[in-house]
PDB file of N, CA and C in Angstrom:
ATOM      1  N   MET A   1      -7.926   0.353  -7.483  1.00  0.00           N
ATOM      2  CA  MET A   1      -8.926   1.130  -8.690  1.00  0.00           C
ATOM      3  C   MET A   1      -8.039   1.775  -9.756  1.00  0.00           C
ATOM      4  N   PRO A   2      -8.102   1.374 -10.796  1.00  0.00           N
ATOM      5  CA  PRO A   2      -7.158   1.741 -11.985  1.00  0.00           C
ATOM      6  C   PRO A   2      -7.505   3.156 -12.164  1.00  0.00           C
ATOM      7  N   ARG A   3      -6.424   3.959 -12.599  1.00  0.00           N
ATOM      8  CA  ARG A   3      -6.373   5.418 -12.799  1.00  0.00           C
ATOM      9  C   ARG A   3      -7.033   5.502 -14.324  1.00  0.00           C
ATOM     10  N   SER A   4      -7.620   6.739 -14.530  1.00  0.00           N
ATOM     11  CA  SER A   4      -7.950   7.146 -16.047  1.00  0.00           C
ATOM     12  C   SER A   4      -6.643   7.558 -16.697  1.00  0.00           C
ATOM     13  N   PRO A   5      -6.634   7.031 -17.841  1.00  0.00           N
ATOM     14  CA  PRO A   5      -5.484   7.615 -18.672  1.00  0.00           C
ATOM     15  C   PRO A   5      -5.186   9.094 -18.729  1.00  0.00           C
ATOM     16  N   LEU A   6      -3.722   9.476 -18.568  1.00  0.00           N
ATOM     17  CA  LEU A   6      -3.593  10.970 -18.705  1.00  0.00           C
ATOM     18  C   LEU A   6      -3.613  11.512 -20.081  1.00  0.00           C
ATOM     19  N   THR A   7      -4.094  12.544 -20.172  1.00  0.00           N
ATOM     20  CA  THR A   7      -4.077  13.345 -21.455  1.00  0.00           C
ATOM     21  C   THR A   7      -3.197  14.375 -21.399  1.00  0.00           C
ATOM     22  N   GLY A   8      -2.864  14.938 -22.750  1.00  0.00           N
ATOM     23  CA  GLY A   8      -2.054  16.002 -22.795  1.00  0.00           C
ATOM     24  C   GLY A   8      -2.520  17.221 -21.955  1.00  0.00           C
ATOM     25  N   ALA A   9      -3.909  17.432 -22.175  1.00  0.00           N
ATOM     26  CA  ALA A   9      -4.630  18.564 -21.415  1.00  0.00           C
ATOM     27  C   ALA A   9      -4.263  18.488 -19.981  1.00  0.00           C
ATOM     28  N   MET A  10      -4.315  17.186 -19.255  1.00  0.00           N
ATOM     29  CA  MET A  10      -4.236  17.083 -17.801  1.00  0.00           C
ATOM     30  C   MET A  10      -2.713  17.440 -17.553  1.00  0.00           C
ATOM     31  N   VAL A  11      -1.875  17.030 -18.236  1.00  0.00           N
ATOM     32  CA  VAL A  11      -0.575  17.185 -18.039  1.00  0.00           C
ATOM     33  C   VAL A  11      -0.193  18.748 -18.346  1.00  0.00           C
ATOM     34  N   ARG A  12      -0.833  19.337 -19.218  1.00  0.00           N
ATOM     35  CA  ARG A  12      -0.467  20.790 -19.251  1.00  0.00           C
ATOM     36  C   ARG A  12      -1.369  21.578 -18.063  1.00  0.00           C
ATOM     37  N   GLN A  13      -2.331  21.009 -17.702  1.00  0.00           N
ATOM     38  CA  GLN A  13      -3.052  21.744 -16.613  1.00  0.00           C
ATOM     39  C   GLN A  13      -2.101  21.643 -15.226  1.00  0.00           C
ATOM     40  N   ALA A  14      -1.523  20.349 -15.149  1.00  0.00           N
ATOM     41  CA  ALA A  14      -0.732  20.337 -13.691  1.00  0.00           C
ATOM     42  C   ALA A  14       0.558  21.154 -13.990  1.00  0.00           C
ATOM     43  N   ALA A  15       1.100  21.331 -15.194  1.00  0.00           N
ATOM     44  CA  ALA A  15       2.182  22.182 -15.398  1.00  0.00           C
ATOM     45  C   ALA A  15       1.775  23.581 -15.143  1.00  0.00           C
ATOM     46  N   ALA A  16       0.790  24.033 -15.688  1.00  0.00           N
ATOM     47  CA  ALA A  16       0.162  25.323 -15.354  1.00  0.00           C
ATOM     48  C   ALA A  16       0.108  25.730 -13.856  1.00  0.00           C
ATOM     49  N   MET A  17      -0.309  24.604 -13.300  1.00  0.00           N
ATOM     50  CA  MET A  17      -0.377  24.929 -11.472  1.00  0.00           C
ATOM     51  C   MET A  17       0.750  25.057 -11.079  1.00  0.00           C
ATOM     52  N   ALA A  18       2.138  24.619 -11.635  1.00  0.00           N
ATOM     53  CA  ALA A  18       3.470  24.745 -11.108  1.00  0.00           C
ATOM     54  C   ALA A  18       4.021  25.836 -11.780  1.00  0.00           C
ATOM     55  N   ARG A  19       3.246  26.628 -12.509  1.00  0.00           N
ATOM     56  CA  ARG A  19       3.730  27.825 -13.259  1.00  0.00           C
ATOM     57  C   ARG A  19       4.797  27.410 -14.201  1.00  0.00           C
ATOM     58  N   TYR A  20       4.603  26.316 -15.058  1.00  0.00           N
ATOM     59  CA  TYR A  20       5.417  26.002 -15.890  1.00  0.00           C
ATOM     60  C   TYR A  20       4.999  25.983 -17.372  1.00  0.00           C
ATOM     61  N   ASP A  21       5.354  26.764 -18.245  1.00  0.00           N
ATOM     62  CA  ASP A  21       4.886  26.841 -19.591  1.00  0.00           C
ATOM     63  C   ASP A  21       5.103  25.601 -20.453  1.00  0.00           C
ATOM     64  N   LEU A  22       4.202  24.815 -20.846  1.00  0.00           N
ATOM     65  CA  LEU A  22       4.354  23.568 -21.471  1.00  0.00           C
ATOM     66  C   LEU A  22       3.596  23.556 -22.653  1.00  0.00           C
ATOM     67  N   SER A  23       4.294  23.376 -23.733  1.00  0.00           N
ATOM     68  CA  SER A  23       3.547  23.206 -25.202  1.00  0.00           C
ATOM     69  C   SER A  23       2.489  22.191 -25.202  1.00  0.00           C
ATOM     70  N   ASP A  24       1.654  22.329 -25.988  1.00  0.00           N
ATOM     71  CA  ASP A  24       0.544  21.022 -26.098  1.00  0.00           C
ATOM     72  C   ASP A  24       1.156  19.737 -26.667  1.00  0.00           C
ATOM     73  N   GLU A  25       2.235  19.996 -27.492  1.00  0.00           N
ATOM     74  CA  GLU A  25       3.022  18.940 -28.140  1.00  0.00           C
ATOM     75  C   GLU A  25       3.716  18.157 -27.042  1.00  0.00           C
ATOM     76  N   ARG A  26       4.402  18.836 -26.210  1.00  0.00           N
ATOM     77  CA  ARG A  26       5.416  18.365 -25.231  1.00  0.00           C
ATOM     78  C   ARG A  26       4.627  17.710 -24.082  1.00  0.00           C
ATOM     79  N   ALA A  27       3.243  18.307 -23.825  1.00  0.00           N
ATOM     80  CA  ALA A  27       2.420  17.688 -22.859  1.00  0.00           C
ATOM     81  C   ALA A  27       2.022  16.226 -23.351  1.00  0.00           C
ATOM     82  N   ALA A  28       1.738  16.354 -24.799  1.00  0.00           N
ATOM     83  CA  ALA A  28       1.044  15.006 -25.095  1.00  0.00           C
ATOM     84  C   ALA A  28       2.307  13.851 -25.177  1.00  0.00           C
ATOM     85  N   GLU A  29       3.495  14.391 -25.414  1.00  0.00           N
ATOM     86  CA  GLU A  29       4.716  13.285 -25.254  1.00  0.00           C
ATOM     87  C   GLU A  29       4.809  12.847 -23.809  1.00  0.00           C
ATOM     88  N   LEU A  30       4.705  13.773 -23.014  1.00  0.00           N
ATOM     89  CA  LEU A  30       4.937  13.507 -21.514  1.00  0.00           C
ATOM     90  C   LEU A  30       3.874  12.652 -20.984  1.00  0.00           C
ATOM     91  N   ALA A  31       2.685  12.686 -21.335  1.00  0.00           N
ATOM     92  CA  ALA A  31       1.542  11.909 -20.738  1.00  0.00           C
ATOM     93  C   ALA A  31       1.750  10.466 -20.510  1.00  0.00           C
ATOM     94  N   PRO A  32       2.289   9.668 -21.557  1.00  0.00           N
ATOM     95  CA  PRO A  32       2.478   8.286 -21.240  1.00  0.00           C
ATOM     96  C   PRO A  32       3.588   7.981 -20.218  1.00  0.00           C
ATOM     97  N   HIS A  33       4.557   8.850 -20.287  1.00  0.00           N
ATOM     98  CA  HIS A  33       5.615   8.694 -19.204  1.00  0.00           C
ATOM     99  C   HIS A  33       5.099   8.996 -17.810  1.00  0.00           C
ATOM    100  N   LEU A  34       4.374   9.961 -17.687  1.00  0.00           N
ATOM    101  CA  LEU A  34       3.801  10.211 -16.436  1.00  0.00           C
ATOM    102  C   LEU A  34       2.853   9.128 -15.965  1.00  0.00           C
ATOM    103  N   GLN A  35       2.050   8.600 -16.927  1.00  0.00           N
ATOM    104  CA  GLN A  35       1.081   7.524 -16.570  1.00  0.00           C
ATOM    105  C   GLN A  35       1.960   6.320 -16.090  1.00  0.00           C
ATOM    106  N   GLY A  36       2.877   5.944 -16.757  1.00  0.00           N
ATOM    107  CA  GLY A  36       3.894   4.887 -16.252  1.00  0.00           C
ATOM    108  C   GLY A  36       4.447   5.182 -14.772  1.00  0.00           C
ATOM    109  N   MET A  37       4.755   6.350 -14.486  1.00  0.00           N
ATOM    110  CA  MET A  37       5.144   6.614 -13.185  1.00  0.00           C
ATOM    111  C   MET A  37       4.011   6.576 -12.085  1.00  0.00           C
ATOM    112  N   LEU A  38       2.961   6.909 -12.559  1.00  0.00           N
ATOM    113  CA  LEU A  38       1.871   6.705 -11.688  1.00  0.00           C
ATOM    114  C   LEU A  38       1.404   5.361 -11.361  1.00  0.00           C
ATOM    115  N   GLN A  39       1.615   4.408 -12.512  1.00  0.00           N
ATOM    116  CA  GLN A  39       1.285   3.099 -12.152  1.00  0.00           C
ATOM    117  C   GLN A  39       2.239   2.592 -11.189  1.00  0.00           C
ATOM    118  N   ALA A  40       3.533   2.669 -11.401  1.00  0.00           N
ATOM    119  CA  ALA A  40       4.546   2.345 -10.289  1.00  0.00           C
ATOM    120  C   ALA A  40       4.257   2.718  -9.074  1.00  0.00           C
ATOM    121  N   LEU A  41       3.576   3.987  -8.681  1.00  0.00           N
ATOM    122  CA  LEU A  41       3.373   4.421  -7.438  1.00  0.00           C
ATOM    123  C   LEU A  41       2.053   3.820  -6.877  1.00  0.00           C
ATOM    124  N   ASP A  42       1.288   3.470  -7.887  1.00  0.00           N
ATOM    125  CA  ASP A  42       0.104   2.517  -7.474  1.00  0.00           C
ATOM    126  C   ASP A  42       0.468   1.217  -6.933  1.00  0.00           C
ATOM    127  N   GLY A  43       1.585   0.783  -7.652  1.00  0.00           N
ATOM    128  CA  GLY A  43       2.079  -0.642  -7.193  1.00  0.00           C
ATOM    129  C   GLY A  43       2.667  -0.561  -5.809  1.00  0.00           C
ATOM    130  N   LEU A  44       3.235   0.473  -5.406  1.00  0.00           N
ATOM    131  CA  LEU A  44       3.816   0.603  -3.884  1.00  0.00           C
ATOM    132  C   LEU A  44       2.552   0.808  -2.900  1.00  0.00           C
ATOM    133  N   ASP A  45       1.356   1.437  -3.443  1.00  0.00           N
ATOM    134  CA  ASP A  45       0.219   1.508  -2.539  1.00  0.00           C
ATOM    135  C   ASP A  45      -0.027   0.005  -2.319  1.00  0.00           C
ATOM    136  N   ALA A  46      -0.010  -0.856  -3.062  1.00  0.00           N
ATOM    137  CA  ALA A  46      -0.465  -2.310  -2.876  1.00  0.00           C
ATOM    138  C   ALA A  46       0.225  -2.966  -2.000  1.00  0.00           C
ATOM    139  N   VAL A  47       1.459  -2.656  -1.544  1.00  0.00           N
ATOM    140  CA  VAL A  47       2.384  -3.319  -0.571  1.00  0.00           C
ATOM    141  C   VAL A  47       1.688  -3.135   0.949  1.00  0.00           C
ATOM    142  N   ASP A  48       1.635  -4.263   1.486  1.00  0.00           N
ATOM    143  CA  ASP A  48       0.992  -4.355   2.845  1.00  0.00           C
ATOM    144  C   ASP A  48       2.047  -4.114   3.746  1.00  0.00           C
ATOM    145  N   LEU A  49       2.110  -3.011   4.471  1.00  0.00           N
ATOM    146  CA  LEU A  49       3.211  -2.747   5.411  1.00  0.00           C
ATOM    147  C   LEU A  49       2.955  -3.197   6.840  1.00  0.00           C
ATOM    148  N   GLY A  50       1.862  -3.760   7.100  1.00  0.00           N
ATOM    149  CA  GLY A  50       1.498  -4.562   8.500  1.00  0.00           C
ATOM    150  C   GLY A  50       1.757  -3.651   9.390  1.00  0.00           C
ATOM    151  N   GLU A  51       2.569  -3.984  10.454  1.00  0.00           N
ATOM    152  CA  GLU A  51       2.700  -3.232  11.790  1.00  0.00           C
ATOM    153  C   GLU A  51       3.848  -2.420  11.572  1.00  0.00           C
ATOM    154  N   THR A  52       4.503  -1.907  10.593  1.00  0.00           N
ATOM    155  CA  THR A  52       5.732  -1.287  10.402  1.00  0.00           C
ATOM    156  C   THR A  52       5.351   0.249  10.829  1.00  0.00           C
ATOM    157  N   PRO A  53       6.054   0.733  11.963  1.00  0.00           N
ATOM    158  CA  PRO A  53       5.885   2.116  12.633  1.00  0.00           C
ATOM    159  C   PRO A  53       6.401   3.080  11.594  1.00  0.00           C
ATOM    160  N   PRO A  54       5.688   4.218  11.767  1.00  0.00           N
ATOM    161  CA  PRO A  54       6.142   5.429  10.945  1.00  0.00           C
ATOM    162  C   PRO A  54       7.462   5.773  11.401  1.00  0.00           C
ATOM    163  N   ALA A  55       8.278   6.469  10.447  1.00  0.00           N
ATOM    164  CA  ALA A  55       9.675   6.684  10.624  1.00  0.00           C
ATOM    165  C   ALA A  55       9.968   7.683  11.819  1.00  0.00           C
ATOM    166  N   ASN A  56       8.982   8.437  12.101  1.00  0.00           N
ATOM    167  CA  ASN A  56       9.192   9.426  13.329  1.00  0.00           C
ATOM    168  C   ASN A  56       9.121   8.408  14.595  1.00  0.00           C
ATOM    169  N   ALA A  57       8.624   7.481  14.558  1.00  0.00           N
ATOM    170  CA  ALA A  57       8.707   6.541  15.740  1.00  0.00           C
ATOM    171  C   ALA A  57       9.784   5.476  15.914  1.00  0.00           C
ATOM    172  N   PHE A  58      10.640   5.540  14.840  1.00  0.00           N
ATOM    173  CA  PHE A  58      11.685   4.482  14.994  1.00  0.00           C
ATOM    174  C   PHE A  58      12.772   4.957  16.040  1.00  0.00           C
ATOM    175  N   ASP A  59      13.077   3.752  16.539  1.00  0.00           N
ATOM    176  CA  ASP A  59      14.228   3.976  17.676  1.00  0.00           C
ATOM    177  C   ASP A  59      15.341   3.044  17.144  1.00  0.00           C
ATOM    178  N   ALA A  60      16.438   3.389  16.965  1.00  0.00           N
ATOM    179  CA  ALA A  60      17.769   2.401  16.630  1.00  0.00           C
ATOM    180  C   ALA A  60      18.189   1.403  17.583  1.00  0.00           C
ATOM    181  N   ARG A  61      17.657   1.779  18.897  1.00  0.00           N
ATOM    182  CA  ARG A  61      18.064   0.955  19.924  1.00  0.00           C
ATOM    183  C   ARG A  61      17.238  -0.546  19.774  1.00  0.00           C
ATOM    184  N   TRP A  62      16.318  -0.418  19.152  1.00  0.00           N
ATOM    185  CA  TRP A  62      15.480  -1.681  18.953  1.00  0.00           C
ATOM    186  C   TRP A  62      16.277  -2.840  18.261  1.00  0.00           C
ATOM    187  N   GLY A  63      17.096  -2.366  17.441  1.00  0.00           N
ATOM    188  CA  GLY A  63      18.027  -3.478  16.875  1.00  0.00           C
ATOM    189  C   GLY A  63      19.155  -3.986  17.657  1.00  0.00           C
ATOM    190  N   GLU A  64      19.268  -3.303  18.960  1.00  0.00           N
ATOM    191  CA  GLU A  64      20.603  -3.736  19.810  1.00  0.00           C
ATOM    192  C   GLU A  64      20.140  -5.109  20.424  1.00  0.00           C
ATOM    193  N   LYS A  65      21.240  -5.998  20.450  1.00  0.00           N
ATOM    194  CA  LYS A  65      20.917  -7.092  20.968  1.00  0.00           C
ATOM    195  C   LYS A  65      21.290  -7.225  22.559  1.00  0.00           C
ATOM    196  N   THR A  66      20.583  -7.746  23.403  1.00  0.00           N
ATOM    197  CA  THR A  66      21.149  -7.873  24.902  1.00  0.00           C
ATOM    198  C   THR A  66      21.578  -9.058  25.254  1.00  0.00           C
ATOM    199  N   ALA A  67      22.504  -9.157  26.231  1.00  0.00           N
ATOM    200  CA  ALA A  67      23.118 -10.427  26.566  1.00  0.00           C
ATOM    201  C   ALA A  67      22.634 -10.982  27.939  1.00  0.00           C
TER     202      ALA A  67
END
């Protein structure tokens, strides 16, 4: 599902939640860059990981060869 385009106001609101003072002009400049980052993350969501176990279940001995 495509995301709605980010606006300067949305960036400013996110910055305010992080207690970061961001001017309206700077927020408007950052919006397209943040939109690109979100699109890259959306691309990662599309990757099918299949049966990949979570990292906390990884056991390095799985790669050992037995004779």
